[in-house]
């Protein structure tokens, strides 16, 4: 049973699907993130977790390090640990993303980019 959606430090609306606390996963977490049209997440990195974004619906622009990449449904994108990233929704419909983190996502592992105030 998915948990209730909440806002992460980067501003996305997330529903956790697999967590160590509930499903007993030791090495990864899986979440559904939704980015509203015309908005983007705040630039951030994860100190120890690498992340994979799998695009379910919508269109966006992913920034990983200094590279900007258009994203569309059916694509997977790796975000290495320690790499600043953000993603924005450029379409008329929300951008829906499956986010897999290994090791599992933790708020304490998230570092906001310089100049980003939460």
PDB file of N, CA and C in Angstrom:
ATOM      1  N   UNK A   1       0.836  -1.181   0.000  1.00  0.00           N
ATOM      2  CA  UNK A   1       0.000   0.000   0.000  1.00  0.00           C
ATOM      3  C   UNK A   1       0.886   1.251   0.000  1.00  0.00           C
ATOM      4  N   UNK A   2       0.800   2.102  -1.028  1.00  0.00           N
ATOM      5  CA  UNK A   2       1.621   3.311  -1.070  1.00  0.00           C
ATOM      6  C   UNK A   2       1.320   4.248   0.096  1.00  0.00           C
ATOM      7  N   UNK A   3       2.324   4.971   0.510  1.00  0.00           N
ATOM      8  CA  UNK A   3       2.174   5.972   1.563  1.00  0.00           C
ATOM      9  C   UNK A   3       1.460   7.199   0.994  1.00  0.00           C
ATOM     10  N   UNK A   4       1.105   8.117   1.873  1.00  0.00           N
ATOM     11  CA  UNK A   4       0.494   9.365   1.446  1.00  0.00           C
ATOM     12  C   UNK A   4       1.533  10.237   0.731  1.00  0.00           C
ATOM     13  N   UNK A   5       1.131  10.942  -0.330  1.00  0.00           N
ATOM     14  CA  UNK A   5       2.077  11.825  -1.028  1.00  0.00           C
ATOM     15  C   UNK A   5       2.574  12.946  -0.102  1.00  0.00           C
ATOM     16  N   UNK A   6       3.810  13.393  -0.348  1.00  0.00           N
ATOM     17  CA  UNK A   6       4.368  14.521   0.390  1.00  0.00           C
ATOM     18  C   UNK A   6       5.341  15.265  -0.515  1.00  0.00           C
ATOM     19  N   UNK A   7       5.686  16.496  -0.140  1.00  0.00           N
ATOM     20  CA  UNK A   7       6.653  17.307  -0.885  1.00  0.00           C
ATOM     21  C   UNK A   7       8.053  17.020  -0.359  1.00  0.00           C
ATOM     22  N   UNK A   8       8.973  16.719  -1.285  1.00  0.00           N
ATOM     23  CA  UNK A   8      10.363  16.510  -0.902  1.00  0.00           C
ATOM     24  C   UNK A   8      11.076  17.857  -0.826  1.00  0.00           C
ATOM     25  N   UNK A   9      12.332  17.841  -0.400  1.00  0.00           N
ATOM     26  CA  UNK A   9      13.108  19.071  -0.302  1.00  0.00           C
ATOM     27  C   UNK A   9      13.249  19.770  -1.647  1.00  0.00           C
ATOM     28  N   UNK A  10      13.234  18.991  -2.759  1.00  0.00           N
ATOM     29  CA  UNK A  10      13.389  19.602  -4.082  1.00  0.00           C
ATOM     30  C   UNK A  10      12.086  20.180  -4.623  1.00  0.00           C
ATOM     31  N   UNK A  11      10.962  19.957  -3.930  1.00  0.00           N
ATOM     32  CA  UNK A  11       9.686  20.541  -4.336  1.00  0.00           C
ATOM     33  C   UNK A  11       8.752  19.612  -5.088  1.00  0.00           C
ATOM     34  N   UNK A  12       9.189  18.396  -5.419  1.00  0.00           N
ATOM     35  CA  UNK A  12       8.307  17.482  -6.148  1.00  0.00           C
ATOM     36  C   UNK A  12       7.325  16.814  -5.189  1.00  0.00           C
ATOM     37  N   UNK A  13       6.178  16.411  -5.721  1.00  0.00           N
ATOM     38  CA  UNK A  13       5.175  15.675  -4.958  1.00  0.00           C
ATOM     39  C   UNK A  13       5.467  14.196  -5.128  1.00  0.00           C
ATOM     40  N   UNK A  14       5.759  13.494  -4.038  1.00  0.00           N
ATOM     41  CA  UNK A  14       6.246  12.121  -4.092  1.00  0.00           C
ATOM     42  C   UNK A  14       5.333  11.185  -3.309  1.00  0.00           C
ATOM     43  N   UNK A  15       5.101  10.024  -3.903  1.00  0.00           N
ATOM     44  CA  UNK A  15       4.441   8.918  -3.210  1.00  0.00           C
ATOM     45  C   UNK A  15       5.437   7.769  -3.150  1.00  0.00           C
ATOM     46  N   UNK A  16       5.814   7.368  -1.955  1.00  0.00           N
ATOM     47  CA  UNK A  16       6.776   6.280  -1.810  1.00  0.00           C
ATOM     48  C   UNK A  16       6.078   4.942  -2.058  1.00  0.00           C
ATOM     49  N   UNK A  17       6.692   4.118  -2.904  1.00  0.00           N
ATOM     50  CA  UNK A  17       6.119   2.824  -3.273  1.00  0.00           C
ATOM     51  C   UNK A  17       6.841   1.664  -2.595  1.00  0.00           C
ATOM     52  N   UNK A  18       8.169   1.778  -2.452  1.00  0.00           N
ATOM     53  CA  UNK A  18       8.979   0.755  -1.773  1.00  0.00           C
ATOM     54  C   UNK A  18       9.959   1.477  -0.866  1.00  0.00           C
ATOM     55  N   UNK A  19       9.912   1.157   0.431  1.00  0.00           N
ATOM     56  CA  UNK A  19      10.779   1.778   1.433  1.00  0.00           C
ATOM     57  C   UNK A  19      11.336   0.714   2.366  1.00  0.00           C
ATOM     58  N   UNK A  20      12.520   0.913   2.883  1.00  0.00           N
ATOM     59  CA  UNK A  20      13.060  -0.039   3.853  1.00  0.00           C
ATOM     60  C   UNK A  20      12.160  -0.186   5.085  1.00  0.00           C
ATOM     61  N   UNK A  21      11.571   0.934   5.529  1.00  0.00           N
ATOM     62  CA  UNK A  21      10.759   0.912   6.743  1.00  0.00           C
ATOM     63  C   UNK A  21       9.487   0.089   6.594  1.00  0.00           C
ATOM     64  N   UNK A  22       8.931   0.033   5.401  1.00  0.00           N
ATOM     65  CA  UNK A  22       7.653  -0.658   5.222  1.00  0.00           C
ATOM     66  C   UNK A  22       7.783  -1.984   4.479  1.00  0.00           C
ATOM     67  N   UNK A  23       8.572  -2.035   3.422  1.00  0.00           N
ATOM     68  CA  UNK A  23       8.692  -3.259   2.629  1.00  0.00           C
ATOM     69  C   UNK A  23       9.954  -4.059   2.954  1.00  0.00           C
ATOM     70  N   UNK A  24      10.852  -3.493   3.752  1.00  0.00           N
ATOM     71  CA  UNK A  24      12.052  -4.208   4.151  1.00  0.00           C
ATOM     72  C   UNK A  24      13.170  -4.200   3.127  1.00  0.00           C
ATOM     73  N   UNK A  25      13.074  -3.363   2.097  1.00  0.00           N
ATOM     74  CA  UNK A  25      14.142  -3.278   1.107  1.00  0.00           C
ATOM     75  C   UNK A  25      15.403  -2.735   1.767  1.00  0.00           C
ATOM     76  N   UNK A  26      16.502  -3.400   1.562  1.00  0.00           N
ATOM     77  CA  UNK A  26      17.754  -2.963   2.183  1.00  0.00           C
ATOM     78  C   UNK A  26      18.591  -2.061   1.273  1.00  0.00           C
ATOM     79  N   UNK A  27      18.398  -2.170  -0.049  1.00  0.00           N
ATOM     80  CA  UNK A  27      19.316  -1.523  -0.971  1.00  0.00           C
ATOM     81  C   UNK A  27      18.716  -0.483  -1.893  1.00  0.00           C
ATOM     82  N   UNK A  28      17.390  -0.337  -1.910  1.00  0.00           N
ATOM     83  CA  UNK A  28      16.811   0.657  -2.813  1.00  0.00           C
ATOM     84  C   UNK A  28      15.465   1.130  -2.320  1.00  0.00           C
ATOM     85  N   UNK A  29      15.038   2.252  -2.894  1.00  0.00           N
ATOM     86  CA  UNK A  29      13.687   2.756  -2.691  1.00  0.00           C
ATOM     87  C   UNK A  29      13.115   3.098  -4.062  1.00  0.00           C
ATOM     88  N   UNK A  30      11.792   3.110  -4.136  1.00  0.00           N
ATOM     89  CA  UNK A  30      11.095   3.431  -5.384  1.00  0.00           C
ATOM     90  C   UNK A  30       9.953   4.373  -5.052  1.00  0.00           C
ATOM     91  N   UNK A  31       9.843   5.451  -5.820  1.00  0.00           N
ATOM     92  CA  UNK A  31       8.801   6.441  -5.567  1.00  0.00           C
ATOM     93  C   UNK A  31       8.241   6.959  -6.887  1.00  0.00           C
ATOM     94  N   UNK A  32       7.011   7.446  -6.830  1.00  0.00           N
ATOM     95  CA  UNK A  32       6.378   8.132  -7.949  1.00  0.00           C
ATOM     96  C   UNK A  32       6.453   9.625  -7.653  1.00  0.00           C
ATOM     97  N   UNK A  33       7.065  10.382  -8.558  1.00  0.00           N
ATOM     98  CA  UNK A  33       7.158  11.836  -8.404  1.00  0.00           C
ATOM     99  C   UNK A  33       6.315  12.502  -9.480  1.00  0.00           C
ATOM    100  N   UNK A  34       5.641  13.592  -9.108  1.00  0.00           N
ATOM    101  CA  UNK A  34       4.813  14.350 -10.041  1.00  0.00           C
ATOM    102  C   UNK A  34       5.293  15.803 -10.030  1.00  0.00           C
ATOM    103  N   UNK A  35       5.567  16.317 -11.230  1.00  0.00           N
ATOM    104  CA  UNK A  35       5.992  17.709 -11.407  1.00  0.00           C
ATOM    105  C   UNK A  35       4.893  18.402 -12.203  1.00  0.00           C
ATOM    106  N   UNK A  36       4.341  19.478 -11.667  1.00  0.00           N
ATOM    107  CA  UNK A  36       3.253  20.189 -12.336  1.00  0.00           C
ATOM    108  C   UNK A  36       3.742  20.950 -13.565  1.00  0.00           C
ATOM    109  N   UNK A  37       2.871  21.141 -14.546  1.00  0.00           N
ATOM    110  CA  UNK A  37       3.240  21.899 -15.755  1.00  0.00           C
ATOM    111  C   UNK A  37       3.817  23.268 -15.405  1.00  0.00           C
ATOM    112  N   UNK A  38       4.894  23.622 -16.084  1.00  0.00           N
ATOM    113  CA  UNK A  38       5.510  24.929 -15.898  1.00  0.00           C
ATOM    114  C   UNK A  38       6.362  25.066 -14.650  1.00  0.00           C
ATOM    115  N   UNK A  39       6.548  23.975 -13.909  1.00  0.00           N
ATOM    116  CA  UNK A  39       7.370  24.041 -12.702  1.00  0.00           C
ATOM    117  C   UNK A  39       8.555  23.091 -12.821  1.00  0.00           C
ATOM    118  N   UNK A  40       9.527  23.263 -11.929  1.00  0.00           N
ATOM    119  CA  UNK A  40      10.680  22.366 -11.912  1.00  0.00           C
ATOM    120  C   UNK A  40      11.127  22.157 -10.474  1.00  0.00           C
ATOM    121  N   UNK A  41      11.871  21.099 -10.270  1.00  0.00           N
ATOM    122  CA  UNK A  41      12.415  20.838  -8.941  1.00  0.00           C
ATOM    123  C   UNK A  41      13.594  21.771  -8.686  1.00  0.00           C
ATOM    124  N   UNK A  42      13.933  21.943  -7.424  1.00  0.00           N
ATOM    125  CA  UNK A  42      15.106  22.724  -7.050  1.00  0.00           C
ATOM    126  C   UNK A  42      16.358  21.886  -7.291  1.00  0.00           C
ATOM    127  N   UNK A  43      17.437  22.548  -7.730  1.00  0.00           N
ATOM    128  CA  UNK A  43      18.701  21.829  -7.948  1.00  0.00           C
ATOM    129  C   UNK A  43      19.197  21.247  -6.634  1.00  0.00           C
ATOM    130  N   UNK A  44      19.582  19.973  -6.698  1.00  0.00           N
ATOM    131  CA  UNK A  44      20.044  19.278  -5.506  1.00  0.00           C
ATOM    132  C   UNK A  44      20.886  18.084  -5.921  1.00  0.00           C
ATOM    133  N   UNK A  45      21.488  17.446  -4.941  1.00  0.00           N
ATOM    134  CA  UNK A  45      22.220  16.199  -5.180  1.00  0.00           C
ATOM    135  C   UNK A  45      21.952  15.269  -4.010  1.00  0.00           C
ATOM    136  N   UNK A  46      22.342  14.025  -4.183  1.00  0.00           N
ATOM    137  CA  UNK A  46      22.257  13.038  -3.111  1.00  0.00           C
ATOM    138  C   UNK A  46      23.687  12.577  -2.850  1.00  0.00           C
ATOM    139  N   UNK A  47      24.115  12.705  -1.630  1.00  0.00           N
ATOM    140  CA  UNK A  47      25.512  12.435  -1.283  1.00  0.00           C
ATOM    141  C   UNK A  47      25.925  11.002  -1.588  1.00  0.00           C
ATOM    142  N   UNK A  48      25.068  10.024  -1.247  1.00  0.00           N
ATOM    143  CA  UNK A  48      25.448   8.619  -1.416  1.00  0.00           C
ATOM    144  C   UNK A  48      24.555   7.848  -2.378  1.00  0.00           C
ATOM    145  N   UNK A  49      23.353   8.319  -2.634  1.00  0.00           N
ATOM    146  CA  UNK A  49      22.417   7.574  -3.489  1.00  0.00           C
ATOM    147  C   UNK A  49      22.569   7.938  -4.954  1.00  0.00           C
ATOM    148  N   UNK A  50      22.637   6.901  -5.795  1.00  0.00           N
ATOM    149  CA  UNK A  50      22.450   7.150  -7.219  1.00  0.00           C
ATOM    150  C   UNK A  50      20.970   6.967  -7.481  1.00  0.00           C
ATOM    151  N   UNK A  51      20.497   7.613  -8.535  1.00  0.00           N
ATOM    152  CA  UNK A  51      19.058   7.642  -8.799  1.00  0.00           C
ATOM    153  C   UNK A  51      18.813   7.366 -10.276  1.00  0.00           C
ATOM    154  N   UNK A  52      17.709   6.680 -10.550  1.00  0.00           N
ATOM    155  CA  UNK A  52      17.262   6.484 -11.921  1.00  0.00           C
ATOM    156  C   UNK A  52      15.871   7.080 -12.025  1.00  0.00           C
ATOM    157  N   UNK A  53      15.682   7.951 -13.018  1.00  0.00           N
ATOM    158  CA  UNK A  53      14.359   8.485 -13.345  1.00  0.00           C
ATOM    159  C   UNK A  53      13.834   7.699 -14.541  1.00  0.00           C
ATOM    160  N   UNK A  54      12.653   7.109 -14.397  1.00  0.00           N
ATOM    161  CA  UNK A  54      11.970   6.459 -15.518  1.00  0.00           C
ATOM    162  C   UNK A  54      10.716   7.277 -15.786  1.00  0.00           C
ATOM    163  N   UNK A  55      10.620   7.852 -16.986  1.00  0.00           N
ATOM    164  CA  UNK A  55       9.528   8.763 -17.320  1.00  0.00           C
ATOM    165  C   UNK A  55       8.284   7.959 -17.699  1.00  0.00           C
ATOM    166  N   UNK A  56       7.209   8.170 -16.936  1.00  0.00           N
ATOM    167  CA  UNK A  56       5.943   7.477 -17.196  1.00  0.00           C
ATOM    168  C   UNK A  56       5.032   8.280 -18.117  1.00  0.00           C
ATOM    169  N   UNK A  57       4.852   9.580 -17.793  1.00  0.00           N
ATOM    170  CA  UNK A  57       3.933  10.448 -18.549  1.00  0.00           C
ATOM    171  C   UNK A  57       4.490  11.857 -18.583  1.00  0.00           C
ATOM    172  N   UNK A  58       4.129  12.569 -19.635  1.00  0.00           N
ATOM    173  CA  UNK A  58       4.508  13.964 -19.745  1.00  0.00           C
ATOM    174  C   UNK A  58       5.865  14.149 -20.409  1.00  0.00           C
ATOM    175  N   UNK A  59       6.245  15.408 -20.538  1.00  0.00           N
ATOM    176  CA  UNK A  59       7.523  15.771 -21.153  1.00  0.00           C
ATOM    177  C   UNK A  59       8.238  16.758 -20.248  1.00  0.00           C
ATOM    178  N   UNK A  60       9.561  16.660 -20.239  1.00  0.00           N
ATOM    179  CA  UNK A  60      10.316  17.525 -19.359  1.00  0.00           C
ATOM    180  C   UNK A  60      11.704  17.810 -19.864  1.00  0.00           C
ATOM    181  N   UNK A  61      12.424  18.556 -19.062  1.00  0.00           N
ATOM    182  CA  UNK A  61      13.817  18.878 -19.339  1.00  0.00           C
ATOM    183  C   UNK A  61      14.602  18.532 -18.081  1.00  0.00           C
ATOM    184  N   UNK A  62      15.528  17.586 -18.207  1.00  0.00           N
ATOM    185  CA  UNK A  62      16.335  17.102 -17.097  1.00  0.00           C
ATOM    186  C   UNK A  62      17.708  17.740 -17.156  1.00  0.00           C
ATOM    187  N   UNK A  63      18.142  18.303 -16.036  1.00  0.00           N
ATOM    188  CA  UNK A  63      19.495  18.839 -15.918  1.00  0.00           C
ATOM    189  C   UNK A  63      20.273  17.921 -14.984  1.00  0.00           C
ATOM    190  N   UNK A  64      21.353  17.336 -15.489  1.00  0.00           N
ATOM    191  CA  UNK A  64      22.257  16.509 -14.687  1.00  0.00           C
ATOM    192  C   UNK A  64      23.642  17.096 -14.886  1.00  0.00           C
ATOM    193  N   UNK A  65      24.207  17.639 -13.798  1.00  0.00           N
ATOM    194  CA  UNK A  65      25.461  18.359 -13.941  1.00  0.00           C
ATOM    195  C   UNK A  65      25.215  19.550 -14.861  1.00  0.00           C
ATOM    196  N   UNK A  66      26.025  19.708 -15.889  1.00  0.00           N
ATOM    197  CA  UNK A  66      25.850  20.806 -16.831  1.00  0.00           C
ATOM    198  C   UNK A  66      25.109  20.419 -18.097  1.00  0.00           C
ATOM    199  N   UNK A  67      24.551  19.215 -18.143  1.00  0.00           N
ATOM    200  CA  UNK A  67      23.876  18.730 -19.347  1.00  0.00           C
ATOM    201  C   UNK A  67      22.362  18.837 -19.206  1.00  0.00           C
ATOM    202  N   UNK A  68      21.707  19.382 -20.225  1.00  0.00           N
ATOM    203  CA  UNK A  68      20.250  19.474 -20.269  1.00  0.00           C
ATOM    204  C   UNK A  68      19.735  18.498 -21.323  1.00  0.00           C
ATOM    205  N   UNK A  69      18.781  17.637 -20.932  1.00  0.00           N
ATOM    206  CA  UNK A  69      18.273  16.604 -21.819  1.00  0.00           C
ATOM    207  C   UNK A  69      16.753  16.613 -21.824  1.00  0.00           C
ATOM    208  N   UNK A  70      16.114  16.726 -22.999  1.00  0.00           N
ATOM    209  CA  UNK A  70      14.654  16.558 -23.053  1.00  0.00           C
ATOM    210  C   UNK A  70      14.304  15.119 -22.673  1.00  0.00           C
ATOM    211  N   UNK A  71      13.214  14.941 -21.918  1.00  0.00           N
ATOM    212  CA  UNK A  71      12.785  13.605 -21.506  1.00  0.00           C
ATOM    213  C   UNK A  71      11.347  13.360 -21.926  1.00  0.00           C
ATOM    214  N   UNK A  72      11.044  12.078 -22.211  1.00  0.00           N
ATOM    215  CA  UNK A  72       9.719  11.683 -22.683  1.00  0.00           C
ATOM    216  C   UNK A  72       9.383  10.301 -22.134  1.00  0.00           C
ATOM    217  N   UNK A  73       8.117   9.898 -22.184  1.00  0.00           N
ATOM    218  CA  UNK A  73       7.714   8.597 -21.656  1.00  0.00           C
ATOM    219  C   UNK A  73       8.512   7.439 -22.248  1.00  0.00           C
ATOM    220  N   UNK A  74       8.826   6.477 -21.371  1.00  0.00           N
ATOM    221  CA  UNK A  74       9.560   5.293 -21.779  1.00  0.00           C
ATOM    222  C   UNK A  74      11.064   5.410 -21.664  1.00  0.00           C
ATOM    223  N   UNK A  75      11.568   6.567 -21.241  1.00  0.00           N
ATOM    224  CA  UNK A  75      13.012   6.769 -21.124  1.00  0.00           C
ATOM    225  C   UNK A  75      13.469   6.622 -19.676  1.00  0.00           C
ATOM    226  N   UNK A  76      14.687   6.100 -19.512  1.00  0.00           N
ATOM    227  CA  UNK A  76      15.323   6.005 -18.199  1.00  0.00           C
ATOM    228  C   UNK A  76      16.595   6.838 -18.213  1.00  0.00           C
ATOM    229  N   UNK A  77      16.849   7.552 -17.118  1.00  0.00           N
ATOM    230  CA  UNK A  77      18.017   8.426 -17.022  1.00  0.00           C
ATOM    231  C   UNK A  77      18.695   8.219 -15.676  1.00  0.00           C
ATOM    232  N   UNK A  78      20.010   7.949 -15.706  1.00  0.00           N
ATOM    233  CA  UNK A  78      20.799   7.748 -14.498  1.00  0.00           C
ATOM    234  C   UNK A  78      21.324   9.081 -13.982  1.00  0.00           C
ATOM    235  N   UNK A  79      21.217   9.261 -12.665  1.00  0.00           N
ATOM    236  CA  UNK A  79      21.779  10.431 -11.995  1.00  0.00           C
ATOM    237  C   UNK A  79      22.797   9.905 -10.973  1.00  0.00           C
ATOM    238  N   UNK A  80      24.084  10.069 -11.259  1.00  0.00           N
ATOM    239  CA  UNK A  80      25.104   9.546 -10.344  1.00  0.00           C
ATOM    240  C   UNK A  80      25.063  10.238  -8.978  1.00  0.00           C
ATOM    241  N   UNK A  81      25.446   9.520  -7.948  1.00  0.00           N
ATOM    242  CA  UNK A  81      25.541  10.097  -6.602  1.00  0.00           C
ATOM    243  C   UNK A  81      26.451  11.318  -6.641  1.00  0.00           C
ATOM    244  N   UNK A  82      26.077  12.344  -5.886  1.00  0.00           N
ATOM    245  CA  UNK A  82      26.896  13.545  -5.784  1.00  0.00           C
ATOM    246  C   UNK A  82      26.739  14.524  -6.936  1.00  0.00           C
ATOM    247  N   UNK A  83      25.864  14.233  -7.914  1.00  0.00           N
ATOM    248  CA  UNK A  83      25.698  15.094  -9.085  1.00  0.00           C
ATOM    249  C   UNK A  83      24.453  15.965  -8.927  1.00  0.00           C
ATOM    250  N   UNK A  84      24.642  17.290  -9.051  1.00  0.00           N
ATOM    251  CA  UNK A  84      23.483  18.187  -8.986  1.00  0.00           C
ATOM    252  C   UNK A  84      22.543  17.897 -10.142  1.00  0.00           C
ATOM    253  N   UNK A  85      21.239  17.956  -9.846  1.00  0.00           N
ATOM    254  CA  UNK A  85      20.240  17.707 -10.876  1.00  0.00           C
ATOM    255  C   UNK A  85      18.929  18.414 -10.531  1.00  0.00           C
ATOM    256  N   UNK A  86      18.117  18.595 -11.563  1.00  0.00           N
ATOM    257  CA  UNK A  86      16.752  19.098 -11.425  1.00  0.00           C
ATOM    258  C   UNK A  86      15.996  18.661 -12.668  1.00  0.00           C
ATOM    259  N   UNK A  87      14.674  18.711 -12.577  1.00  0.00           N
ATOM    260  CA  UNK A  87      13.848  18.348 -13.719  1.00  0.00           C
ATOM    261  C   UNK A  87      12.628  19.253 -13.734  1.00  0.00           C
ATOM    262  N   UNK A  88      12.242  19.670 -14.937  1.00  0.00           N
ATOM    263  CA  UNK A  88      11.084  20.527 -15.094  1.00  0.00           C
ATOM    264  C   UNK A  88      10.090  19.935 -16.067  1.00  0.00           C
ATOM    265  N   UNK A  89       8.835  20.281 -15.870  1.00  0.00           N
ATOM    266  CA  UNK A  89       7.766  19.832 -16.759  1.00  0.00           C
ATOM    267  C   UNK A  89       7.552  20.898 -17.825  1.00  0.00           C
ATOM    268  N   UNK A  90       7.720  20.518 -19.087  1.00  0.00           N
ATOM    269  CA  UNK A  90       7.585  21.475 -20.184  1.00  0.00           C
ATOM    270  C   UNK A  90       6.301  21.271 -20.979  1.00  0.00           C
ATOM    271  N   UNK A  91       5.502  20.292 -20.636  1.00  0.00           N
ATOM    272  CA  UNK A  91       4.263  20.025 -21.354  1.00  0.00           C
ATOM    273  C   UNK A  91       3.058  20.613 -20.639  1.00  0.00           C
ATOM    274  N   UNK A  92       1.886  20.377 -21.221  1.00  0.00           N
ATOM    275  CA  UNK A  92       0.632  20.859 -20.650  1.00  0.00           C
ATOM    276  C   UNK A  92       0.111  19.936 -19.554  1.00  0.00           C
ATOM    277  N   UNK A  93       0.574  18.693 -19.537  1.00  0.00           N
ATOM    278  CA  UNK A  93       0.157  17.719 -18.525  1.00  0.00           C
ATOM    279  C   UNK A  93       1.285  17.516 -17.523  1.00  0.00           C
ATOM    280  N   UNK A  94       0.970  17.080 -16.299  1.00  0.00           N
ATOM    281  CA  UNK A  94       2.021  16.828 -15.313  1.00  0.00           C
ATOM    282  C   UNK A  94       3.035  15.792 -15.811  1.00  0.00           C
ATOM    283  N   UNK A  95       4.258  15.928 -15.339  1.00  0.00           N
ATOM    284  CA  UNK A  95       5.334  14.986 -15.609  1.00  0.00           C
ATOM    285  C   UNK A  95       5.320  13.961 -14.479  1.00  0.00           C
ATOM    286  N   UNK A  96       5.197  12.677 -14.822  1.00  0.00           N
ATOM    287  CA  UNK A  96       5.184  11.607 -13.825  1.00  0.00           C
ATOM    288  C   UNK A  96       6.420  10.742 -14.011  1.00  0.00           C
ATOM    289  N   UNK A  97       7.140  10.527 -12.914  1.00  0.00           N
ATOM    290  CA  UNK A  97       8.434   9.859 -12.956  1.00  0.00           C
ATOM    291  C   UNK A  97       8.506   8.790 -11.870  1.00  0.00           C
ATOM    292  N   UNK A  98       8.988   7.603 -12.233  1.00  0.00           N
ATOM    293  CA  UNK A  98       9.377   6.623 -11.221  1.00  0.00           C
ATOM    294  C   UNK A  98      10.819   6.931 -10.848  1.00  0.00           C
ATOM    295  N   UNK A  99      11.083   7.070  -9.555  1.00  0.00           N
ATOM    296  CA  UNK A  99      12.422   7.394  -9.071  1.00  0.00           C
ATOM    297  C   UNK A  99      12.932   6.231  -8.221  1.00  0.00           C
ATOM    298  N   UNK A 100      13.992   5.600  -8.687  1.00  0.00           N
ATOM    299  CA  UNK A 100      14.621   4.517  -7.931  1.00  0.00           C
ATOM    300  C   UNK A 100      15.932   5.034  -7.363  1.00  0.00           C
ATOM    301  N   UNK A 101      16.143   4.842  -6.058  1.00  0.00           N
ATOM    302  CA  UNK A 101      17.370   5.293  -5.392  1.00  0.00           C
ATOM    303  C   UNK A 101      18.052   4.111  -4.723  1.00  0.00           C
ATOM    304  N   UNK A 102      19.366   4.042  -4.890  1.00  0.00           N
ATOM    305  CA  UNK A 102      20.166   3.013  -4.226  1.00  0.00           C
ATOM    306  C   UNK A 102      21.445   3.660  -3.719  1.00  0.00           C
ATOM    307  N   UNK A 103      21.726   3.632  -2.419  1.00  0.00           N
ATOM    308  CA  UNK A 103      20.862   3.143  -1.361  1.00  0.00           C
ATOM    309  C   UNK A 103      19.579   3.955  -1.269  1.00  0.00           C
ATOM    310  N   UNK A 104      18.602   3.511  -0.459  1.00  0.00           N
ATOM    311  CA  UNK A 104      17.293   4.148  -0.397  1.00  0.00           C
ATOM    312  C   UNK A 104      17.357   5.649  -0.108  1.00  0.00           C
ATOM    313  N   UNK A 105      16.386   6.377  -0.677  1.00  0.00           N
ATOM    314  CA  UNK A 105      16.268   7.817  -0.453  1.00  0.00           C
ATOM    315  C   UNK A 105      16.120   8.126   1.035  1.00  0.00           C
ATOM    316  N   UNK A 106      16.856   9.167   1.470  1.00  0.00           N
ATOM    317  CA  UNK A 106      16.721   9.727   2.817  1.00  0.00           C
ATOM    318  C   UNK A 106      16.844  11.237   2.693  1.00  0.00           C
ATOM    319  N   UNK A 107      16.007  11.972   3.405  1.00  0.00           N
ATOM    320  CA  UNK A 107      16.106  13.440   3.383  1.00  0.00           C
ATOM    321  C   UNK A 107      17.517  13.886   3.759  1.00  0.00           C
ATOM    322  N   UNK A 108      18.122  13.196   4.715  1.00  0.00           N
ATOM    323  CA  UNK A 108      19.448  13.585   5.215  1.00  0.00           C
ATOM    324  C   UNK A 108      20.537  13.430   4.161  1.00  0.00           C
ATOM    325  N   UNK A 109      20.274  12.662   3.117  1.00  0.00           N
ATOM    326  CA  UNK A 109      21.247  12.441   2.053  1.00  0.00           C
ATOM    327  C   UNK A 109      21.148  13.513   0.962  1.00  0.00           C
ATOM    328  N   UNK A 110      20.136  14.377   1.047  1.00  0.00           N
ATOM    329  CA  UNK A 110      19.896  15.391   0.023  1.00  0.00           C
ATOM    330  C   UNK A 110      20.623  16.682   0.382  1.00  0.00           C
ATOM    331  N   UNK A 111      21.374  17.204  -0.584  1.00  0.00           N
ATOM    332  CA  UNK A 111      22.085  18.477  -0.422  1.00  0.00           C
ATOM    333  C   UNK A 111      21.535  19.454  -1.455  1.00  0.00           C
ATOM    334  N   UNK A 112      20.997  20.567  -1.010  1.00  0.00           N
ATOM    335  CA  UNK A 112      20.488  21.571  -1.942  1.00  0.00           C
ATOM    336  C   UNK A 112      21.673  22.298  -2.569  1.00  0.00           C
ATOM    337  N   UNK A 113      21.516  22.687  -3.833  1.00  0.00           N
ATOM    338  CA  UNK A 113      22.581  23.378  -4.556  1.00  0.00           C
ATOM    339  C   UNK A 113      22.868  24.730  -3.912  1.00  0.00           C
ATOM    340  N   UNK A 114      24.079  25.207  -4.112  1.00  0.00           N
ATOM    341  CA  UNK A 114      24.460  26.526  -3.582  1.00  0.00           C
ATOM    342  C   UNK A 114      23.477  27.571  -4.091  1.00  0.00           C
ATOM    343  N   UNK A 115      23.008  28.422  -3.198  1.00  0.00           N
ATOM    344  CA  UNK A 115      22.095  29.477  -3.576  1.00  0.00           C
ATOM    345  C   UNK A 115      20.632  29.067  -3.567  1.00  0.00           C
ATOM    346  N   UNK A 116      20.338  27.782  -3.346  1.00  0.00           N
ATOM    347  CA  UNK A 116      18.946  27.319  -3.293  1.00  0.00           C
ATOM    348  C   UNK A 116      18.483  27.359  -1.851  1.00  0.00           C
ATOM    349  N   UNK A 117      17.422  28.088  -1.593  1.00  0.00           N
ATOM    350  CA  UNK A 117      16.871  28.220  -0.248  1.00  0.00           C
ATOM    351  C   UNK A 117      15.563  27.432  -0.210  1.00  0.00           C
ATOM    352  N   UNK A 118      15.406  26.583   0.802  1.00  0.00           N
ATOM    353  CA  UNK A 118      14.169  25.813   0.940  1.00  0.00           C
ATOM    354  C   UNK A 118      13.310  26.362   2.063  1.00  0.00           C
TER     355      UNK A 118
END
